[in-house]
Amino acid sequence: ASPELAEAAELARTAADAATAPAGAATAPADPVARPLAVANA
C-alpha cells in the first residue's frame, strides 16, 4: 500500500512498455532480436 511501491510499479511499467513498443513508436528501441516471451507477456 506504500507510495514507494506505487512509484516503483510506474517506473517499471515505463521500462516494460519501451521494451516491446511497436516499430515507429516514440519509445521503440531499434531491436533486431525476436522477443517471443517478452511480447507475449506485454
All heavy atoms as atom14 arrays in JSON, in Angstrom:
{
  "sequence": "ASPELAEAAELARTAADAATAPAGAATAPADPVARPLAVANA",
  "atom14_mask": [
    [1, 1, 1, 1, 1, 0, 0, 0, 0, 0, 0, 0, 0, 0],
    [1, 1, 1, 1, 1, 1, 0, 0, 0, 0, 0, 0, 0, 0],
    [1, 1, 1, 1, 1, 1, 1, 0, 0, 0, 0, 0, 0, 0],
    [1, 1, 1, 1, 1, 1, 1, 1, 1, 0, 0, 0, 0, 0],
    [1, 1, 1, 1, 1, 1, 1, 1, 0, 0, 0, 0, 0, 0],
    [1, 1, 1, 1, 1, 0, 0, 0, 0, 0, 0, 0, 0, 0],
    [1, 1, 1, 1, 1, 1, 1, 1, 1, 0, 0, 0, 0, 0],
    [1, 1, 1, 1, 1, 0, 0, 0, 0, 0, 0, 0, 0, 0],
    [1, 1, 1, 1, 1, 0, 0, 0, 0, 0, 0, 0, 0, 0],
    [1, 1, 1, 1, 1, 1, 1, 1, 1, 0, 0, 0, 0, 0],
    [1, 1, 1, 1, 1, 1, 1, 1, 0, 0, 0, 0, 0, 0],
    [1, 1, 1, 1, 1, 0, 0, 0, 0, 0, 0, 0, 0, 0],
    [1, 1, 1, 1, 1, 1, 1, 1, 1, 1, 1, 0, 0, 0],
    [1, 1, 1, 1, 1, 1, 1, 0, 0, 0, 0, 0, 0, 0],
    [1, 1, 1, 1, 1, 0, 0, 0, 0, 0, 0, 0, 0, 0],
    [1, 1, 1, 1, 1, 0, 0, 0, 0, 0, 0, 0, 0, 0],
    [1, 1, 1, 1, 1, 1, 1, 1, 0, 0, 0, 0, 0, 0],
    [1, 1, 1, 1, 1, 0, 0, 0, 0, 0, 0, 0, 0, 0],
    [1, 1, 1, 1, 1, 0, 0, 0, 0, 0, 0, 0, 0, 0],
    [1, 1, 1, 1, 1, 1, 1, 0, 0, 0, 0, 0, 0, 0],
    [1, 1, 1, 1, 1, 0, 0, 0, 0, 0, 0, 0, 0, 0],
    [1, 1, 1, 1, 1, 1, 1, 0, 0, 0, 0, 0, 0, 0],
    [1, 1, 1, 1, 1, 0, 0, 0, 0, 0, 0, 0, 0, 0],
    [1, 1, 1, 1, 0, 0, 0, 0, 0, 0, 0, 0, 0, 0],
    [1, 1, 1, 1, 1, 0, 0, 0, 0, 0, 0, 0, 0, 0],
    [1, 1, 1, 1, 1, 0, 0, 0, 0, 0, 0, 0, 0, 0],
    [1, 1, 1, 1, 1, 1, 1, 0, 0, 0, 0, 0, 0, 0],
    [1, 1, 1, 1, 1, 0, 0, 0, 0, 0, 0, 0, 0, 0],
    [1, 1, 1, 1, 1, 1, 1, 0, 0, 0, 0, 0, 0, 0],
    [1, 1, 1, 1, 1, 0, 0, 0, 0, 0, 0, 0, 0, 0],
    [1, 1, 1, 1, 1, 1, 1, 1, 0, 0, 0, 0, 0, 0],
    [1, 1, 1, 1, 1, 1, 1, 0, 0, 0, 0, 0, 0, 0],
    [1, 1, 1, 1, 1, 1, 1, 0, 0, 0, 0, 0, 0, 0],
    [1, 1, 1, 1, 1, 0, 0, 0, 0, 0, 0, 0, 0, 0],
    [1, 1, 1, 1, 1, 1, 1, 1, 1, 1, 1, 0, 0, 0],
    [1, 1, 1, 1, 1, 1, 1, 0, 0, 0, 0, 0, 0, 0],
    [1, 1, 1, 1, 1, 1, 1, 1, 0, 0, 0, 0, 0, 0],
    [1, 1, 1, 1, 1, 0, 0, 0, 0, 0, 0, 0, 0, 0],
    [1, 1, 1, 1, 1, 1, 1, 0, 0, 0, 0, 0, 0, 0],
    [1, 1, 1, 1, 1, 0, 0, 0, 0, 0, 0, 0, 0, 0],
    [1, 1, 1, 1, 1, 1, 1, 1, 0, 0, 0, 0, 0, 0],
    [1, 1, 1, 1, 1, 0, 0, 0, 0, 0, 0, 0, 0, 0]
  ],
  "atom14_positions": [
    [[0.81, -1.22, 0.0], [0.0, 0.0, 0.0], [0.84, 1.27, 0.0], [0.29, 2.38, -0.01], [-0.92, 0.0, 1.22], [0.0, 0.0, 0.0], [0.0, 0.0, 0.0], [0.0, 0.0, 0.0], [0.0, 0.0, 0.0], [0.0, 0.0, 0.0], [0.0, 0.0, 0.0], [0.0, 0.0, 0.0], [0.0, 0.0, 0.0], [0.0, 0.0, 0.0]],
    [[2.17, 1.12, -0.04], [3.03, 2.29, 0.11], [3.15, 3.08, -1.18], [3.07, 2.53, -2.29], [4.43, 1.85, 0.55], [5.08, 1.15, -0.49], [0.0, 0.0, 0.0], [0.0, 0.0, 0.0], [0.0, 0.0, 0.0], [0.0, 0.0, 0.0], [0.0, 0.0, 0.0], [0.0, 0.0, 0.0], [0.0, 0.0, 0.0], [0.0, 0.0, 0.0]],
    [[3.36, 4.4, -1.07], [3.59, 5.21, -2.28], [4.88, 4.81, -2.99], [4.99, 4.96, -4.2], [3.66, 6.65, -1.75], [3.95, 6.52, -0.28], [3.34, 5.23, 0.15], [0.0, 0.0, 0.0], [0.0, 0.0, 0.0], [0.0, 0.0, 0.0], [0.0, 0.0, 0.0], [0.0, 0.0, 0.0], [0.0, 0.0, 0.0], [0.0, 0.0, 0.0]],
    [[5.85, 4.28, -2.25], [7.1, 3.86, -2.86], [6.88, 2.68, -3.81], [7.45, 2.65, -4.91], [8.13, 3.47, -1.79], [8.67, 4.64, -0.98], [7.71, 5.1, 0.11], [6.72, 4.38, 0.4], [7.95, 6.18, 0.67], [0.0, 0.0, 0.0], [0.0, 0.0, 0.0], [0.0, 0.0, 0.0], [0.0, 0.0, 0.0], [0.0, 0.0, 0.0]],
    [[6.04, 1.73, -3.43], [5.79, 0.6, -4.31], [5.01, 1.07, -5.54], [5.26, 0.62, -6.66], [5.04, -0.52, -3.61], [4.97, -1.78, -4.48], [5.51, -2.99, -3.74], [3.56, -2.04, -4.98], [0.0, 0.0, 0.0], [0.0, 0.0, 0.0], [0.0, 0.0, 0.0], [0.0, 0.0, 0.0], [0.0, 0.0, 0.0], [0.0, 0.0, 0.0]],
    [[4.06, 1.99, -5.35], [3.31, 2.52, -6.49], [4.25, 3.24, -7.46], [4.11, 3.1, -8.69], [2.22, 3.46, -6.01], [0.0, 0.0, 0.0], [0.0, 0.0, 0.0], [0.0, 0.0, 0.0], [0.0, 0.0, 0.0], [0.0, 0.0, 0.0], [0.0, 0.0, 0.0], [0.0, 0.0, 0.0], [0.0, 0.0, 0.0], [0.0, 0.0, 0.0]],
    [[5.21, 3.99, -6.92], [6.17, 4.68, -7.78], [7.05, 3.67, -8.53], [7.3, 3.82, -9.73], [7.04, 5.62, -6.95], [8.02, 6.43, -7.78], [8.95, 7.29, -6.94], [8.8, 7.33, -5.7], [9.85, 7.93, -7.54], [0.0, 0.0, 0.0], [0.0, 0.0, 0.0], [0.0, 0.0, 0.0], [0.0, 0.0, 0.0], [0.0, 0.0, 0.0]],
    [[7.5, 2.63, -7.82], [8.32, 1.6, -8.46], [7.54, 0.92, -9.58], [8.1, 0.65, -10.66], [8.76, 0.57, -7.42], [0.0, 0.0, 0.0], [0.0, 0.0, 0.0], [0.0, 0.0, 0.0], [0.0, 0.0, 0.0], [0.0, 0.0, 0.0], [0.0, 0.0, 0.0], [0.0, 0.0, 0.0], [0.0, 0.0, 0.0], [0.0, 0.0, 0.0]],
    [[6.27, 0.66, -9.34], [5.46, 0.0, -10.36], [5.35, 0.85, -11.62], [5.45, 0.33, -12.74], [4.07, -0.3, -9.79], [0.0, 0.0, 0.0], [0.0, 0.0, 0.0], [0.0, 0.0, 0.0], [0.0, 0.0, 0.0], [0.0, 0.0, 0.0], [0.0, 0.0, 0.0], [0.0, 0.0, 0.0], [0.0, 0.0, 0.0], [0.0, 0.0, 0.0]],
    [[5.16, 2.15, -11.46], [5.03, 3.03, -12.63], [6.34, 3.15, -13.39], [6.37, 3.16, -14.63], [4.51, 4.4, -12.21], [3.03, 4.39, -11.89], [2.2, 3.8, -13.03], [2.37, 4.26, -14.2], [1.42, 2.86, -12.79], [0.0, 0.0, 0.0], [0.0, 0.0, 0.0], [0.0, 0.0, 0.0], [0.0, 0.0, 0.0], [0.0, 0.0, 0.0]],
    [[7.45, 3.22, -12.67], [8.75, 3.27, -13.35], [9.03, 1.97, -14.09], [9.5, 1.98, -15.24], [9.85, 3.54, -12.33], [9.89, 4.96, -11.74], [10.85, 5.01, -10.54], [10.29, 5.98, -12.79], [0.0, 0.0, 0.0], [0.0, 0.0, 0.0], [0.0, 0.0, 0.0], [0.0, 0.0, 0.0], [0.0, 0.0, 0.0], [0.0, 0.0, 0.0]],
    [[8.73, 0.84, -13.45], [8.93, -0.46, -14.1], [8.03, -0.6, -15.32], [8.45, -1.13, -16.35], [8.68, -1.59, -13.11], [0.0, 0.0, 0.0], [0.0, 0.0, 0.0], [0.0, 0.0, 0.0], [0.0, 0.0, 0.0], [0.0, 0.0, 0.0], [0.0, 0.0, 0.0], [0.0, 0.0, 0.0], [0.0, 0.0, 0.0], [0.0, 0.0, 0.0]],
    [[6.8, -0.1, -15.2], [5.89, -0.17, -16.35], [6.42, 0.65, -17.53], [6.33, 0.24, -18.68], [4.49, 0.34, -15.97], [3.44, 0.01, -17.04], [2.3, 1.02, -17.04], [1.51, 1.07, -15.83], [0.37, 0.4, -15.63], [-0.12, -0.39, -16.56], [-0.3, 0.55, -14.49], [0.0, 0.0, 0.0], [0.0, 0.0, 0.0], [0.0, 0.0, 0.0]],
    [[6.98, 1.83, -17.23], [7.55, 2.65, -18.3], [8.65, 1.9, -19.04], [8.7, 1.9, -20.28], [8.09, 3.96, -17.73], [7.02, 4.71, -17.14], [8.77, 4.8, -18.8], [0.0, 0.0, 0.0], [0.0, 0.0, 0.0], [0.0, 0.0, 0.0], [0.0, 0.0, 0.0], [0.0, 0.0, 0.0], [0.0, 0.0, 0.0], [0.0, 0.0, 0.0]],
    [[9.53, 1.26, -18.29], [10.6, 0.48, -18.92], [10.04, -0.69, -19.7], [10.47, -0.96, -20.84], [11.59, 0.0, -17.86], [0.0, 0.0, 0.0], [0.0, 0.0, 0.0], [0.0, 0.0, 0.0], [0.0, 0.0, 0.0], [0.0, 0.0, 0.0], [0.0, 0.0, 0.0], [0.0, 0.0, 0.0], [0.0, 0.0, 0.0], [0.0, 0.0, 0.0]],
    [[9.07, -1.4, -19.13], [8.49, -2.56, -19.8], [7.76, -2.15, -21.08], [7.82, -2.85, -22.1], [7.55, -3.3, -18.86], [0.0, 0.0, 0.0], [0.0, 0.0, 0.0], [0.0, 0.0, 0.0], [0.0, 0.0, 0.0], [0.0, 0.0, 0.0], [0.0, 0.0, 0.0], [0.0, 0.0, 0.0], [0.0, 0.0, 0.0], [0.0, 0.0, 0.0]],
    [[7.06, -1.03, -21.05], [6.38, -0.55, -22.24], [7.37, -0.26, -23.36], [7.11, -0.53, -24.55], [5.57, 0.71, -21.93], [4.28, 0.42, -21.16], [3.92, -0.77, -21.04], [3.66, 1.38, -20.69], [0.0, 0.0, 0.0], [0.0, 0.0, 0.0], [0.0, 0.0, 0.0], [0.0, 0.0, 0.0], [0.0, 0.0, 0.0], [0.0, 0.0, 0.0]],
    [[8.52, 0.28, -23.01], [9.53, 0.58, -24.02], [10.16, -0.69, -24.57], [10.59, -0.73, -25.72], [10.61, 1.47, -23.41], [0.0, 0.0, 0.0], [0.0, 0.0, 0.0], [0.0, 0.0, 0.0], [0.0, 0.0, 0.0], [0.0, 0.0, 0.0], [0.0, 0.0, 0.0], [0.0, 0.0, 0.0], [0.0, 0.0, 0.0], [0.0, 0.0, 0.0]],
    [[10.2, -1.74, -23.75], [10.85, -2.99, -24.17], [10.19, -3.59, -25.39], [10.85, -4.21, -26.23], [10.84, -3.99, -23.02], [0.0, 0.0, 0.0], [0.0, 0.0, 0.0], [0.0, 0.0, 0.0], [0.0, 0.0, 0.0], [0.0, 0.0, 0.0], [0.0, 0.0, 0.0], [0.0, 0.0, 0.0], [0.0, 0.0, 0.0], [0.0, 0.0, 0.0]],
    [[8.87, -3.43, -25.49], [8.15, -4.09, -26.58], [7.33, -3.1, -27.39], [6.33, -3.47, -28.01], [7.24, -5.19, -26.03], [6.33, -4.62, -25.07], [8.05, -6.29, -25.36], [0.0, 0.0, 0.0], [0.0, 0.0, 0.0], [0.0, 0.0, 0.0], [0.0, 0.0, 0.0], [0.0, 0.0, 0.0], [0.0, 0.0, 0.0], [0.0, 0.0, 0.0]],
    [[7.71, -1.82, -27.39], [6.98, -0.81, -28.15], [7.01, -1.16, -29.63], [8.03, -1.63, -30.15], [7.6, 0.56, -27.92], [0.0, 0.0, 0.0], [0.0, 0.0, 0.0], [0.0, 0.0, 0.0], [0.0, 0.0, 0.0], [0.0, 0.0, 0.0], [0.0, 0.0, 0.0], [0.0, 0.0, 0.0], [0.0, 0.0, 0.0], [0.0, 0.0, 0.0]],
    [[5.9, -0.96, -30.33], [5.87, -1.28, -31.76], [6.79, -0.37, -32.56], [7.11, 0.75, -32.15], [4.4, -1.05, -32.15], [3.89, -0.08, -31.12], [4.61, -0.42, -29.85], [0.0, 0.0, 0.0], [0.0, 0.0, 0.0], [0.0, 0.0, 0.0], [0.0, 0.0, 0.0], [0.0, 0.0, 0.0], [0.0, 0.0, 0.0], [0.0, 0.0, 0.0]],
    [[7.24, -0.88, -33.68], [8.11, -0.08, -34.55], [7.44, 1.23, -34.9], [6.25, 1.29, -35.2], [8.42, -0.86, -35.83], [0.0, 0.0, 0.0], [0.0, 0.0, 0.0], [0.0, 0.0, 0.0], [0.0, 0.0, 0.0], [0.0, 0.0, 0.0], [0.0, 0.0, 0.0], [0.0, 0.0, 0.0], [0.0, 0.0, 0.0], [0.0, 0.0, 0.0]],
    [[8.2, 2.3, -34.82], [7.67, 3.62, -35.14], [7.19, 4.39, -33.92], [6.98, 5.59, -33.99], [0.0, 0.0, 0.0], [0.0, 0.0, 0.0], [0.0, 0.0, 0.0], [0.0, 0.0, 0.0], [0.0, 0.0, 0.0], [0.0, 0.0, 0.0], [0.0, 0.0, 0.0], [0.0, 0.0, 0.0], [0.0, 0.0, 0.0], [0.0, 0.0, 0.0]],
    [[7.01, 3.69, -32.78], [6.59, 4.39, -31.57], [7.74, 5.23, -31.05], [8.91, 4.93, -31.28], [6.15, 3.38, -30.52], [0.0, 0.0, 0.0], [0.0, 0.0, 0.0], [0.0, 0.0, 0.0], [0.0, 0.0, 0.0], [0.0, 0.0, 0.0], [0.0, 0.0, 0.0], [0.0, 0.0, 0.0], [0.0, 0.0, 0.0], [0.0, 0.0, 0.0]],
    [[7.37, 6.27, -30.31], [8.41, 7.19, -29.81], [9.4, 6.49, -28.92], [10.58, 6.85, -28.87], [7.74, 8.34, -29.06], [0.0, 0.0, 0.0], [0.0, 0.0, 0.0], [0.0, 0.0, 0.0], [0.0, 0.0, 0.0], [0.0, 0.0, 0.0], [0.0, 0.0, 0.0], [0.0, 0.0, 0.0], [0.0, 0.0, 0.0], [0.0, 0.0, 0.0]],
    [[8.94, 5.45, -28.17], [9.83, 4.75, -27.24], [10.39, 3.47, -27.81], [11.07, 2.73, -27.12], [9.07, 4.42, -25.95], [7.92, 3.61, -26.29], [8.64, 5.65, -25.22], [0.0, 0.0, 0.0], [0.0, 0.0, 0.0], [0.0, 0.0, 0.0], [0.0, 0.0, 0.0], [0.0, 0.0, 0.0], [0.0, 0.0, 0.0], [0.0, 0.0, 0.0]],
    [[10.12, 3.18, -29.1], [10.54, 1.9, -29.67], [12.06, 1.83, -29.8], [12.67, 2.7, -30.4], [9.89, 1.68, -31.02], [0.0, 0.0, 0.0], [0.0, 0.0, 0.0], [0.0, 0.0, 0.0], [0.0, 0.0, 0.0], [0.0, 0.0, 0.0], [0.0, 0.0, 0.0], [0.0, 0.0, 0.0], [0.0, 0.0, 0.0], [0.0, 0.0, 0.0]],
    [[12.68, 0.78, -29.24], [14.1, 0.59, -29.44], [14.37, -0.01, -30.83], [13.51, -0.66, -31.4], [14.49, -0.42, -28.35], [13.24, -1.22, -28.13], [12.09, -0.26, -28.37], [0.0, 0.0, 0.0], [0.0, 0.0, 0.0], [0.0, 0.0, 0.0], [0.0, 0.0, 0.0], [0.0, 0.0, 0.0], [0.0, 0.0, 0.0], [0.0, 0.0, 0.0]],
    [[15.53, 0.25, -31.37], [15.95, -0.42, -32.6], [16.36, -1.83, -32.2], [17.39, -2.03, -31.57], [17.11, 0.33, -33.23], [0.0, 0.0, 0.0], [0.0, 0.0, 0.0], [0.0, 0.0, 0.0], [0.0, 0.0, 0.0], [0.0, 0.0, 0.0], [0.0, 0.0, 0.0], [0.0, 0.0, 0.0], [0.0, 0.0, 0.0], [0.0, 0.0, 0.0]],
    [[15.55, -2.82, -32.55], [15.72, -4.15, -31.97], [15.66, -5.22, -33.07], [14.6, -5.51, -33.6], [14.62, -4.4, -30.94], [14.91, -5.62, -30.07], [15.86, -6.36, -30.38], [14.18, -5.81, -29.09], [0.0, 0.0, 0.0], [0.0, 0.0, 0.0], [0.0, 0.0, 0.0], [0.0, 0.0, 0.0], [0.0, 0.0, 0.0], [0.0, 0.0, 0.0]],
    [[16.8, -5.83, -33.4], [16.82, -6.86, -34.43], [16.46, -8.24, -33.89], [16.43, -9.21, -34.65], [18.28, -6.84, -34.9], [19.04, -6.49, -33.65], [18.15, -5.53, -32.88], [0.0, 0.0, 0.0], [0.0, 0.0, 0.0], [0.0, 0.0, 0.0], [0.0, 0.0, 0.0], [0.0, 0.0, 0.0], [0.0, 0.0, 0.0], [0.0, 0.0, 0.0]],
    [[16.2, -8.35, -32.59], [16.02, -9.65, -31.94], [14.54, -9.97, -31.79], [13.74, -9.13, -31.38], [16.7, -9.65, -30.55], [16.48, -10.96, -29.83], [18.19, -9.36, -30.71], [0.0, 0.0, 0.0], [0.0, 0.0, 0.0], [0.0, 0.0, 0.0], [0.0, 0.0, 0.0], [0.0, 0.0, 0.0], [0.0, 0.0, 0.0], [0.0, 0.0, 0.0]],
    [[14.17, -11.22, -32.1], [12.81, -11.68, -31.82], [12.64, -11.77, -30.31], [13.54, -12.22, -29.6], [12.58, -13.03, -32.47], [0.0, 0.0, 0.0], [0.0, 0.0, 0.0], [0.0, 0.0, 0.0], [0.0, 0.0, 0.0], [0.0, 0.0, 0.0], [0.0, 0.0, 0.0], [0.0, 0.0, 0.0], [0.0, 0.0, 0.0], [0.0, 0.0, 0.0]],
    [[11.48, -11.37, -29.81], [11.24, -11.34, -28.37], [9.94, -12.1, -28.05], [8.97, -11.49, -27.57], [11.12, -9.9, -27.87], [12.28, -8.99, -28.24], [13.45, -9.12, -27.32], [14.47, -8.11, -27.62], [15.61, -7.97, -26.94], [15.87, -8.79, -25.94], [16.48, -7.05, -27.27], [0.0, 0.0, 0.0], [0.0, 0.0, 0.0], [0.0, 0.0, 0.0]],
    [[9.86, -13.4, -28.31], [8.56, -14.09, -28.18], [7.96, -14.04, -26.79], [6.76, -13.78, -26.64], [8.88, -15.52, -28.6], [10.37, -15.66, -28.44], [10.93, -14.31, -28.75], [0.0, 0.0, 0.0], [0.0, 0.0, 0.0], [0.0, 0.0, 0.0], [0.0, 0.0, 0.0], [0.0, 0.0, 0.0], [0.0, 0.0, 0.0], [0.0, 0.0, 0.0]],
    [[8.76, -14.27, -25.75], [8.2, -14.3, -24.41], [7.92, -12.9, -23.88], [6.91, -12.67, -23.21], [9.14, -15.05, -23.47], [9.15, -16.57, -23.68], [10.3, -17.21, -22.92], [7.82, -17.18, -23.25], [0.0, 0.0, 0.0], [0.0, 0.0, 0.0], [0.0, 0.0, 0.0], [0.0, 0.0, 0.0], [0.0, 0.0, 0.0], [0.0, 0.0, 0.0]],
    [[8.78, -11.94, -24.2], [8.53, -10.57, -23.77], [7.27, -10.02, -24.43], [6.41, -9.42, -23.78], [9.73, -9.69, -24.09], [0.0, 0.0, 0.0], [0.0, 0.0, 0.0], [0.0, 0.0, 0.0], [0.0, 0.0, 0.0], [0.0, 0.0, 0.0], [0.0, 0.0, 0.0], [0.0, 0.0, 0.0], [0.0, 0.0, 0.0], [0.0, 0.0, 0.0]],
    [[7.14, -10.21, -25.73], [5.99, -9.68, -26.46], [4.7, -10.34, -25.99], [3.67, -9.67, -25.81], [6.19, -9.88, -27.98], [4.91, -9.59, -28.74], [7.32, -8.97, -28.48], [0.0, 0.0, 0.0], [0.0, 0.0, 0.0], [0.0, 0.0, 0.0], [0.0, 0.0, 0.0], [0.0, 0.0, 0.0], [0.0, 0.0, 0.0], [0.0, 0.0, 0.0]],
    [[4.74, -11.65, -25.78], [3.53, -12.36, -25.34], [3.08, -11.87, -23.97], [1.88, -11.68, -23.72], [3.8, -13.86, -25.3], [0.0, 0.0, 0.0], [0.0, 0.0, 0.0], [0.0, 0.0, 0.0], [0.0, 0.0, 0.0], [0.0, 0.0, 0.0], [0.0, 0.0, 0.0], [0.0, 0.0, 0.0], [0.0, 0.0, 0.0], [0.0, 0.0, 0.0]],
    [[4.01, -11.63, -23.06], [3.64, -11.13, -21.73], [3.18, -9.69, -21.79], [2.25, -9.29, -21.07], [4.81, -11.29, -20.76], [4.91, -12.67, -20.17], [4.2, -13.02, -19.23], [5.8, -13.49, -20.73], [0.0, 0.0, 0.0], [0.0, 0.0, 0.0], [0.0, 0.0, 0.0], [0.0, 0.0, 0.0], [0.0, 0.0, 0.0], [0.0, 0.0, 0.0]],
    [[3.79, -8.88, -22.65], [3.4, -7.48, -22.77], [2.01, -7.33, -23.35], [1.33, -6.32, -23.11], [4.41, -6.73, -23.62], [0.0, 0.0, 0.0], [0.0, 0.0, 0.0], [0.0, 0.0, 0.0], [0.0, 0.0, 0.0], [0.0, 0.0, 0.0], [0.0, 0.0, 0.0], [0.0, 0.0, 0.0], [0.0, 0.0, 0.0], [0.0, 0.0, 0.0]]
  ]
}
